[in-house]
Amino acid sequence: MPPSAQTQLAIFDRLANVLANDDRPALYRAADTALAELVGHKLFTLLLVLPGGKEVQRFWSTNETAYPLSGRKPMGDTPWGDLVIKRHQPFLGRDMDAIRWAFFDHELIASLGLGSAINVPIISAKTLLGTIAILDAEHHYDEEKLAIALRVAPYLIDAFRSEIAELG
């Protein structure tokens, strides 16, 4: 069950306060904490969509051993890429069947005790900048949790723009 509306507002207020400080690492930690409190997760990563839309590159991870920073994934020409990268739609993977459909590294995901995922597109002016990826145990995520997770994306738009600018 998600937190009460009052608790959700307090969580988003904390996130907004961090956003005002223009400190990207603090913002990413705050987004991690907010999503953990709002919908729960065992893995939180942030990925940029690289020019051309064929690959995503990780620049934030709560498990750098399994999912190191600067790790790239060829996701553009996949069913997941069609949904998230081309159509700018979120991905809700409720179980391992959905994880296998979406991710070539599904065995690694399963080995970490993960079996459900949400990917939230970060979109600015109709351009996909990247995604938030959260994963947890199988059957952890549902439509209600997806709807809540989607509300975090706008807080990260400017930070994602800065990350892209630094790529050159």
N, C-alpha and C. Protein backbone atom coordinates (compact mmCIF):
# COMPACT_ATOMS: atom_id res chain seq x y z
N MET A 1 0.84 -1.18 0.00
CA MET A 1 0.00 0.00 0.00
C MET A 1 0.89 1.25 0.00
N PRO A 2 0.62 2.17 -0.91
CA PRO A 2 1.45 3.39 -0.97
C PRO A 2 1.22 4.28 0.24
N PRO A 3 2.16 5.18 0.50
CA PRO A 3 1.99 6.11 1.62
C PRO A 3 0.76 7.00 1.41
N SER A 4 0.28 7.57 2.49
CA SER A 4 -0.87 8.47 2.42
C SER A 4 -0.54 9.68 1.55
N ALA A 5 -1.56 10.38 1.12
CA ALA A 5 -1.37 11.59 0.30
C ALA A 5 -0.51 12.61 1.04
N GLN A 6 -0.75 12.76 2.33
CA GLN A 6 0.02 13.72 3.13
C GLN A 6 1.50 13.32 3.17
N THR A 7 1.77 12.05 3.34
CA THR A 7 3.15 11.57 3.36
C THR A 7 3.80 11.75 1.99
N GLN A 8 3.05 11.45 0.93
CA GLN A 8 3.58 11.65 -0.42
C GLN A 8 3.94 13.11 -0.65
N LEU A 9 3.08 14.03 -0.22
CA LEU A 9 3.38 15.45 -0.39
C LEU A 9 4.65 15.84 0.36
N ALA A 10 4.82 15.32 1.55
CA ALA A 10 6.03 15.62 2.33
C ALA A 10 7.28 15.09 1.62
N ILE A 11 7.18 13.92 1.03
CA ILE A 11 8.31 13.34 0.29
C ILE A 11 8.65 14.21 -0.91
N PHE A 12 7.63 14.63 -1.65
CA PHE A 12 7.88 15.49 -2.82
C PHE A 12 8.38 16.87 -2.41
N ASP A 13 7.94 17.37 -1.27
CA ASP A 13 8.47 18.65 -0.77
C ASP A 13 9.97 18.52 -0.48
N ARG A 14 10.38 17.42 0.14
CA ARG A 14 11.81 17.20 0.40
C ARG A 14 12.61 17.15 -0.90
N LEU A 15 12.05 16.47 -1.89
CA LEU A 15 12.71 16.37 -3.19
C LEU A 15 12.84 17.75 -3.83
N ALA A 16 11.79 18.55 -3.75
CA ALA A 16 11.83 19.91 -4.31
C ALA A 16 12.86 20.78 -3.60
N ASN A 17 12.98 20.63 -2.29
CA ASN A 17 13.97 21.40 -1.54
C ASN A 17 15.39 21.05 -1.97
N VAL A 18 15.65 19.79 -2.24
CA VAL A 18 16.98 19.38 -2.71
C VAL A 18 17.21 19.91 -4.12
N LEU A 19 16.19 19.87 -4.95
CA LEU A 19 16.29 20.39 -6.32
C LEU A 19 16.72 21.85 -6.32
N ALA A 20 16.23 22.62 -5.38
CA ALA A 20 16.55 24.05 -5.30
C ALA A 20 18.02 24.31 -5.00
N ASN A 21 18.75 23.31 -4.50
CA ASN A 21 20.16 23.50 -4.13
C ASN A 21 21.13 23.29 -5.29
N ASP A 22 20.65 22.85 -6.44
CA ASP A 22 21.49 22.67 -7.62
C ASP A 22 22.71 21.77 -7.33
N ASP A 23 22.45 20.64 -6.68
CA ASP A 23 23.48 19.66 -6.33
C ASP A 23 23.01 18.32 -6.89
N ARG A 24 23.52 17.96 -8.08
CA ARG A 24 23.02 16.75 -8.75
C ARG A 24 23.18 15.48 -7.92
N PRO A 25 24.35 15.18 -7.35
CA PRO A 25 24.43 13.95 -6.55
C PRO A 25 23.42 13.93 -5.39
N ALA A 26 23.23 15.08 -4.74
CA ALA A 26 22.23 15.14 -3.66
C ALA A 26 20.83 14.91 -4.22
N LEU A 27 20.56 15.44 -5.41
CA LEU A 27 19.26 15.23 -6.04
C LEU A 27 19.04 13.76 -6.37
N TYR A 28 20.06 13.09 -6.90
CA TYR A 28 19.92 11.67 -7.23
C TYR A 28 19.70 10.83 -5.98
N ARG A 29 20.42 11.17 -4.91
CA ARG A 29 20.20 10.46 -3.64
C ARG A 29 18.78 10.71 -3.13
N ALA A 30 18.31 11.95 -3.26
CA ALA A 30 16.95 12.29 -2.81
C ALA A 30 15.90 11.57 -3.65
N ALA A 31 16.12 11.45 -4.95
CA ALA A 31 15.18 10.72 -5.81
C ALA A 31 15.17 9.25 -5.44
N ASP A 32 16.34 8.69 -5.17
CA ASP A 32 16.46 7.31 -4.72
C ASP A 32 15.64 7.11 -3.44
N THR A 33 15.86 7.99 -2.46
CA THR A 33 15.14 7.90 -1.19
C THR A 33 13.65 8.08 -1.39
N ALA A 34 13.26 9.05 -2.20
CA ALA A 34 11.84 9.31 -2.44
C ALA A 34 11.17 8.08 -3.05
N LEU A 35 11.79 7.49 -4.06
CA LEU A 35 11.19 6.32 -4.69
C LEU A 35 11.18 5.12 -3.74
N ALA A 36 12.20 4.99 -2.92
CA ALA A 36 12.21 3.90 -1.92
C ALA A 36 11.03 4.05 -0.97
N GLU A 37 10.77 5.29 -0.53
CA GLU A 37 9.67 5.53 0.40
C GLU A 37 8.31 5.46 -0.28
N LEU A 38 8.23 5.91 -1.52
CA LEU A 38 6.94 5.97 -2.22
C LEU A 38 6.50 4.61 -2.75
N VAL A 39 7.40 3.87 -3.40
CA VAL A 39 7.01 2.62 -4.05
C VAL A 39 7.92 1.44 -3.71
N GLY A 40 9.06 1.71 -3.10
CA GLY A 40 10.01 0.66 -2.76
C GLY A 40 10.88 0.25 -3.94
N HIS A 41 12.10 -0.13 -3.66
CA HIS A 41 12.99 -0.69 -4.67
C HIS A 41 14.21 -1.31 -4.00
N LYS A 42 14.82 -2.24 -4.71
CA LYS A 42 16.08 -2.83 -4.27
C LYS A 42 17.24 -2.38 -5.16
N LEU A 43 16.91 -1.80 -6.32
CA LEU A 43 17.92 -1.27 -7.23
C LEU A 43 17.36 -0.01 -7.86
N PHE A 44 18.18 1.04 -7.88
CA PHE A 44 17.82 2.34 -8.47
C PHE A 44 18.97 2.74 -9.38
N THR A 45 18.67 2.94 -10.66
CA THR A 45 19.68 3.42 -11.59
C THR A 45 19.10 4.54 -12.44
N LEU A 46 20.00 5.39 -12.93
CA LEU A 46 19.63 6.46 -13.85
C LEU A 46 20.44 6.25 -15.12
N LEU A 47 19.75 6.35 -16.27
CA LEU A 47 20.39 6.10 -17.55
C LEU A 47 20.09 7.22 -18.53
N LEU A 48 21.09 7.60 -19.30
CA LEU A 48 20.92 8.57 -20.38
C LEU A 48 20.70 7.81 -21.67
N VAL A 49 19.87 8.35 -22.55
CA VAL A 49 19.75 7.82 -23.90
C VAL A 49 20.81 8.53 -24.73
N LEU A 50 21.71 7.75 -25.32
CA LEU A 50 22.81 8.32 -26.09
C LEU A 50 22.33 8.78 -27.46
N PRO A 51 23.04 9.72 -28.07
CA PRO A 51 22.64 10.20 -29.40
C PRO A 51 22.44 9.04 -30.37
N GLY A 52 21.39 9.12 -31.14
CA GLY A 52 21.03 8.05 -32.06
C GLY A 52 20.00 7.10 -31.49
N GLY A 53 19.84 7.11 -30.16
CA GLY A 53 18.81 6.32 -29.52
C GLY A 53 19.02 4.82 -29.55
N LYS A 54 20.24 4.36 -29.79
CA LYS A 54 20.49 2.92 -29.84
C LYS A 54 20.98 2.36 -28.52
N GLU A 55 21.60 3.22 -27.70
CA GLU A 55 22.16 2.76 -26.43
C GLU A 55 21.72 3.67 -25.29
N VAL A 56 21.72 3.08 -24.10
CA VAL A 56 21.55 3.86 -22.87
C VAL A 56 22.84 3.71 -22.07
N GLN A 57 23.17 4.76 -21.32
CA GLN A 57 24.38 4.74 -20.49
C GLN A 57 24.01 5.08 -19.06
N ARG A 58 24.43 4.22 -18.15
CA ARG A 58 24.15 4.40 -16.74
C ARG A 58 25.10 5.44 -16.15
N PHE A 59 24.55 6.36 -15.37
CA PHE A 59 25.42 7.32 -14.69
C PHE A 59 25.15 7.38 -13.19
N TRP A 60 24.20 6.60 -12.71
CA TRP A 60 23.93 6.52 -11.27
C TRP A 60 23.42 5.12 -10.97
N SER A 61 23.90 4.51 -9.90
CA SER A 61 23.49 3.15 -9.57
C SER A 61 23.66 2.92 -8.07
N THR A 62 22.68 2.25 -7.49
CA THR A 62 22.80 1.87 -6.08
C THR A 62 23.52 0.53 -5.93
N ASN A 63 23.85 -0.11 -7.05
CA ASN A 63 24.64 -1.35 -7.01
C ASN A 63 25.69 -1.27 -8.12
N GLU A 64 26.78 -0.58 -7.82
CA GLU A 64 27.81 -0.37 -8.83
C GLU A 64 28.60 -1.63 -9.15
N THR A 65 28.50 -2.65 -8.32
CA THR A 65 29.17 -3.91 -8.63
C THR A 65 28.46 -4.60 -9.79
N ALA A 66 27.16 -4.75 -9.69
CA ALA A 66 26.38 -5.40 -10.75
C ALA A 66 26.09 -4.45 -11.91
N TYR A 67 25.87 -3.18 -11.58
CA TYR A 67 25.50 -2.18 -12.59
C TYR A 67 26.40 -0.96 -12.45
N PRO A 68 27.63 -1.07 -12.98
CA PRO A 68 28.60 0.01 -12.81
C PRO A 68 28.22 1.28 -13.58
N LEU A 69 28.77 2.39 -13.09
CA LEU A 69 28.57 3.65 -13.78
C LEU A 69 29.26 3.60 -15.14
N SER A 70 28.70 4.31 -16.06
CA SER A 70 29.18 4.37 -17.45
C SER A 70 28.93 3.07 -18.20
N GLY A 71 28.25 2.12 -17.57
CA GLY A 71 27.88 0.91 -18.29
C GLY A 71 26.86 1.26 -19.37
N ARG A 72 27.05 0.66 -20.55
CA ARG A 72 26.14 0.92 -21.67
C ARG A 72 25.36 -0.34 -22.00
N LYS A 73 24.13 -0.13 -22.45
CA LYS A 73 23.29 -1.24 -22.86
C LYS A 73 22.73 -0.92 -24.24
N PRO A 74 22.81 -1.85 -25.19
CA PRO A 74 22.20 -1.62 -26.50
C PRO A 74 20.70 -1.89 -26.43
N MET A 75 19.92 -0.87 -26.19
CA MET A 75 18.49 -1.05 -25.95
C MET A 75 17.60 -0.48 -27.06
N GLY A 76 18.17 0.27 -28.00
CA GLY A 76 17.35 0.96 -29.00
C GLY A 76 16.55 0.03 -29.89
N ASP A 77 17.17 -1.04 -30.38
CA ASP A 77 16.50 -1.95 -31.30
C ASP A 77 15.96 -3.17 -30.58
N THR A 78 15.21 -2.92 -29.51
CA THR A 78 14.58 -3.99 -28.74
C THR A 78 13.12 -3.63 -28.53
N PRO A 79 12.29 -4.57 -28.14
CA PRO A 79 10.90 -4.21 -27.83
C PRO A 79 10.82 -3.15 -26.73
N TRP A 80 11.70 -3.27 -25.71
CA TRP A 80 11.74 -2.25 -24.65
C TRP A 80 12.10 -0.90 -25.25
N GLY A 81 13.10 -0.88 -26.14
CA GLY A 81 13.52 0.36 -26.79
C GLY A 81 12.40 0.98 -27.60
N ASP A 82 11.62 0.14 -28.27
CA ASP A 82 10.48 0.66 -29.03
C ASP A 82 9.48 1.34 -28.10
N LEU A 83 9.21 0.73 -26.97
CA LEU A 83 8.25 1.28 -26.01
C LEU A 83 8.79 2.53 -25.34
N VAL A 84 9.97 2.45 -24.76
CA VAL A 84 10.49 3.53 -23.92
C VAL A 84 11.23 4.59 -24.73
N ILE A 85 12.15 4.17 -25.58
CA ILE A 85 12.98 5.13 -26.31
C ILE A 85 12.22 5.77 -27.47
N LYS A 86 11.57 4.97 -28.27
CA LYS A 86 10.90 5.52 -29.45
C LYS A 86 9.55 6.15 -29.13
N ARG A 87 8.76 5.48 -28.29
CA ARG A 87 7.40 5.97 -28.01
C ARG A 87 7.31 6.78 -26.72
N HIS A 88 8.40 6.84 -25.96
CA HIS A 88 8.46 7.64 -24.72
C HIS A 88 7.43 7.19 -23.69
N GLN A 89 7.17 5.90 -23.63
CA GLN A 89 6.21 5.34 -22.69
C GLN A 89 6.96 4.68 -21.52
N PRO A 90 6.37 4.68 -20.33
CA PRO A 90 7.01 3.96 -19.22
C PRO A 90 6.89 2.46 -19.43
N PHE A 91 7.77 1.73 -18.76
CA PHE A 91 7.72 0.27 -18.77
C PHE A 91 7.37 -0.20 -17.37
N LEU A 92 6.38 -1.07 -17.29
CA LEU A 92 6.01 -1.74 -16.05
C LEU A 92 6.20 -3.23 -16.26
N GLY A 93 7.21 -3.78 -15.63
CA GLY A 93 7.47 -5.21 -15.70
C GLY A 93 7.11 -5.83 -14.37
N ARG A 94 6.01 -6.53 -14.34
CA ARG A 94 5.48 -7.07 -13.08
C ARG A 94 6.19 -8.34 -12.62
N ASP A 95 6.73 -9.11 -13.59
CA ASP A 95 7.26 -10.43 -13.24
C ASP A 95 8.44 -10.79 -14.14
N MET A 96 9.01 -11.96 -13.92
CA MET A 96 10.20 -12.38 -14.68
C MET A 96 9.90 -12.56 -16.16
N ASP A 97 8.67 -12.91 -16.52
CA ASP A 97 8.35 -12.99 -17.94
C ASP A 97 8.53 -11.63 -18.60
N ALA A 98 8.07 -10.58 -17.94
CA ALA A 98 8.23 -9.22 -18.47
C ALA A 98 9.69 -8.80 -18.47
N ILE A 99 10.43 -9.20 -17.44
CA ILE A 99 11.86 -8.87 -17.37
C ILE A 99 12.61 -9.55 -18.52
N ARG A 100 12.29 -10.81 -18.78
CA ARG A 100 12.93 -11.52 -19.90
C ARG A 100 12.59 -10.86 -21.23
N TRP A 101 11.35 -10.40 -21.38
CA TRP A 101 10.92 -9.71 -22.60
C TRP A 101 11.72 -8.43 -22.82
N ALA A 102 12.02 -7.73 -21.73
CA ALA A 102 12.59 -6.39 -21.83
C ALA A 102 14.12 -6.35 -21.82
N PHE A 103 14.76 -7.21 -21.06
CA PHE A 103 16.18 -7.01 -20.77
C PHE A 103 17.03 -8.24 -21.09
N PHE A 104 18.09 -8.04 -21.87
CA PHE A 104 18.98 -9.14 -22.21
C PHE A 104 19.74 -9.65 -20.99
N ASP A 105 19.88 -8.82 -19.94
CA ASP A 105 20.60 -9.22 -18.73
C ASP A 105 19.65 -9.75 -17.65
N HIS A 106 18.57 -10.37 -18.08
CA HIS A 106 17.55 -10.86 -17.15
C HIS A 106 18.10 -11.89 -16.16
N GLU A 107 19.12 -12.65 -16.56
CA GLU A 107 19.70 -13.63 -15.63
C GLU A 107 20.41 -12.92 -14.47
N LEU A 108 21.13 -11.85 -14.77
CA LEU A 108 21.77 -11.05 -13.72
C LEU A 108 20.70 -10.45 -12.81
N ILE A 109 19.65 -9.93 -13.41
CA ILE A 109 18.56 -9.35 -12.62
C ILE A 109 17.99 -10.39 -11.66
N ALA A 110 17.69 -11.57 -12.18
CA ALA A 110 17.14 -12.64 -11.33
C ALA A 110 18.13 -13.05 -10.24
N SER A 111 19.42 -13.09 -10.57
CA SER A 111 20.43 -13.50 -9.59
C SER A 111 20.52 -12.53 -8.41
N LEU A 112 20.07 -11.30 -8.62
CA LEU A 112 20.07 -10.30 -7.55
C LEU A 112 18.77 -10.33 -6.74
N GLY A 113 17.90 -11.29 -7.04
CA GLY A 113 16.63 -11.39 -6.33
C GLY A 113 15.59 -10.40 -6.82
N LEU A 114 15.80 -9.91 -8.03
CA LEU A 114 14.88 -8.93 -8.60
C LEU A 114 14.02 -9.61 -9.65
N GLY A 115 12.77 -9.15 -9.77
CA GLY A 115 11.87 -9.77 -10.74
C GLY A 115 10.78 -8.86 -11.23
N SER A 116 10.83 -7.58 -10.86
CA SER A 116 9.89 -6.60 -11.42
C SER A 116 10.63 -5.28 -11.58
N ALA A 117 10.13 -4.47 -12.51
CA ALA A 117 10.83 -3.22 -12.84
C ALA A 117 9.86 -2.15 -13.28
N ILE A 118 10.27 -0.92 -13.05
CA ILE A 118 9.62 0.26 -13.61
C ILE A 118 10.71 1.10 -14.26
N ASN A 119 10.47 1.51 -15.50
CA ASN A 119 11.33 2.49 -16.17
C ASN A 119 10.49 3.72 -16.45
N VAL A 120 10.94 4.85 -15.94
CA VAL A 120 10.24 6.13 -16.09
C VAL A 120 11.04 6.99 -17.06
N PRO A 121 10.46 7.35 -18.21
CA PRO A 121 11.17 8.22 -19.14
C PRO A 121 11.31 9.63 -18.57
N ILE A 122 12.47 10.24 -18.83
CA ILE A 122 12.71 11.64 -18.49
C ILE A 122 12.62 12.39 -19.80
N ILE A 123 11.56 13.19 -19.95
CA ILE A 123 11.25 13.84 -21.22
C ILE A 123 11.23 15.35 -21.03
N SER A 124 11.86 16.05 -21.97
CA SER A 124 11.86 17.51 -21.98
C SER A 124 11.60 17.98 -23.40
N ALA A 125 10.59 18.81 -23.58
CA ALA A 125 10.25 19.35 -24.90
C ALA A 125 10.15 18.23 -25.94
N LYS A 126 9.46 17.17 -25.59
CA LYS A 126 9.23 16.01 -26.46
C LYS A 126 10.49 15.22 -26.81
N THR A 127 11.58 15.48 -26.09
CA THR A 127 12.83 14.77 -26.31
C THR A 127 13.11 13.87 -25.11
N LEU A 128 13.39 12.60 -25.38
CA LEU A 128 13.73 11.67 -24.31
C LEU A 128 15.19 11.87 -23.92
N LEU A 129 15.42 12.21 -22.66
CA LEU A 129 16.77 12.41 -22.14
C LEU A 129 17.34 11.13 -21.55
N GLY A 130 16.49 10.34 -20.92
CA GLY A 130 16.93 9.11 -20.27
C GLY A 130 15.81 8.49 -19.49
N THR A 131 16.17 7.62 -18.55
CA THR A 131 15.16 6.94 -17.75
C THR A 131 15.62 6.75 -16.31
N ILE A 132 14.63 6.67 -15.45
CA ILE A 132 14.81 6.16 -14.10
C ILE A 132 14.49 4.67 -14.19
N ALA A 133 15.32 3.84 -13.59
CA ALA A 133 15.03 2.40 -13.52
C ALA A 133 15.01 1.99 -12.05
N ILE A 134 13.90 1.40 -11.64
CA ILE A 134 13.82 0.83 -10.30
C ILE A 134 13.40 -0.63 -10.43
N LEU A 135 14.01 -1.47 -9.62
CA LEU A 135 13.71 -2.89 -9.65
C LEU A 135 13.52 -3.40 -8.23
N ASP A 136 12.68 -4.43 -8.13
CA ASP A 136 12.41 -5.05 -6.84
C ASP A 136 12.03 -6.50 -7.10
N ALA A 137 11.55 -7.17 -6.07
CA ALA A 137 11.16 -8.58 -6.18
C ALA A 137 9.99 -8.73 -7.16
N GLU A 138 9.85 -9.94 -7.67
CA GLU A 138 8.77 -10.23 -8.60
C GLU A 138 7.42 -9.85 -7.98
N HIS A 139 6.56 -9.27 -8.79
CA HIS A 139 5.20 -8.85 -8.43
C HIS A 139 5.16 -7.67 -7.45
N HIS A 140 6.27 -6.98 -7.27
CA HIS A 140 6.28 -5.83 -6.36
C HIS A 140 5.56 -4.63 -6.96
N TYR A 141 5.72 -4.42 -8.27
CA TYR A 141 5.18 -3.21 -8.91
C TYR A 141 3.84 -3.47 -9.59
N ASP A 142 3.02 -2.41 -9.59
CA ASP A 142 1.72 -2.45 -10.24
C ASP A 142 1.43 -1.07 -10.82
N GLU A 143 0.26 -0.90 -11.40
CA GLU A 143 -0.12 0.38 -12.03
C GLU A 143 -0.12 1.53 -11.04
N GLU A 144 -0.56 1.29 -9.82
CA GLU A 144 -0.60 2.34 -8.81
C GLU A 144 0.81 2.83 -8.48
N LYS A 145 1.73 1.91 -8.31
CA LYS A 145 3.12 2.30 -8.02
C LYS A 145 3.76 2.98 -9.23
N LEU A 146 3.42 2.53 -10.43
CA LEU A 146 3.92 3.20 -11.63
C LEU A 146 3.45 4.65 -11.67
N ALA A 147 2.17 4.88 -11.40
CA ALA A 147 1.62 6.25 -11.42
C ALA A 147 2.35 7.16 -10.44
N ILE A 148 2.68 6.63 -9.28
CA ILE A 148 3.42 7.42 -8.28
C ILE A 148 4.85 7.68 -8.75
N ALA A 149 5.51 6.64 -9.27
CA ALA A 149 6.90 6.78 -9.72
C ALA A 149 7.02 7.80 -10.85
N LEU A 150 6.02 7.88 -11.71
CA LEU A 150 6.06 8.83 -12.83
C LEU A 150 6.19 10.27 -12.35
N ARG A 151 5.70 10.55 -11.16
CA ARG A 151 5.72 11.93 -10.65
C ARG A 151 7.12 12.41 -10.26
N VAL A 152 8.08 11.51 -10.18
CA VAL A 152 9.44 11.90 -9.82
C VAL A 152 10.19 12.47 -11.03
N ALA A 153 9.85 12.04 -12.23
CA ALA A 153 10.59 12.41 -13.44
C ALA A 153 10.81 13.91 -13.62
N PRO A 154 9.79 14.76 -13.48
CA PRO A 154 10.03 16.19 -13.73
C PRO A 154 11.11 16.82 -12.85
N TYR A 155 11.31 16.27 -11.68
CA TYR A 155 12.34 16.80 -10.78
C TYR A 155 13.75 16.58 -11.32
N LEU A 156 13.90 15.65 -12.24
CA LEU A 156 15.23 15.27 -12.73
C LEU A 156 15.56 15.83 -14.12
N ILE A 157 14.65 16.52 -14.75
CA ILE A 157 14.87 16.98 -16.13
C ILE A 157 16.13 17.83 -16.25
N ASP A 158 16.26 18.88 -15.46
CA ASP A 158 17.43 19.75 -15.59
C ASP A 158 18.73 19.01 -15.29
N ALA A 159 18.72 18.12 -14.32
CA ALA A 159 19.92 17.34 -14.00
C ALA A 159 20.30 16.44 -15.18
N PHE A 160 19.33 15.82 -15.81
CA PHE A 160 19.62 14.98 -16.97
C PHE A 160 20.17 15.83 -18.11
N ARG A 161 19.62 17.01 -18.31
CA ARG A 161 20.17 17.92 -19.34
C ARG A 161 21.65 18.20 -19.06
N SER A 162 21.98 18.45 -17.81
CA SER A 162 23.38 18.71 -17.45
C SER A 162 24.26 17.50 -17.69
N GLU A 163 23.77 16.32 -17.37
CA GLU A 163 24.54 15.09 -17.62
C GLU A 163 24.82 14.93 -19.12
N ILE A 164 23.82 15.19 -19.94
CA ILE A 164 23.98 15.09 -21.39
C ILE A 164 25.00 16.11 -21.88
N ALA A 165 24.92 17.33 -21.38
CA ALA A 165 25.87 18.38 -21.78
C ALA A 165 27.30 17.98 -21.45
N GLU A 166 27.49 17.29 -20.34
CA GLU A 166 28.84 16.86 -19.95
C GLU A 166 29.38 15.73 -20.81
N LEU A 167 28.47 14.99 -21.46
CA LEU A 167 28.93 13.93 -22.37
C LEU A 167 29.64 14.52 -23.58
N GLY A 168 29.27 15.77 -23.91
CA GLY A 168 29.92 16.45 -25.03
C GLY A 168 29.16 16.24 -26.25
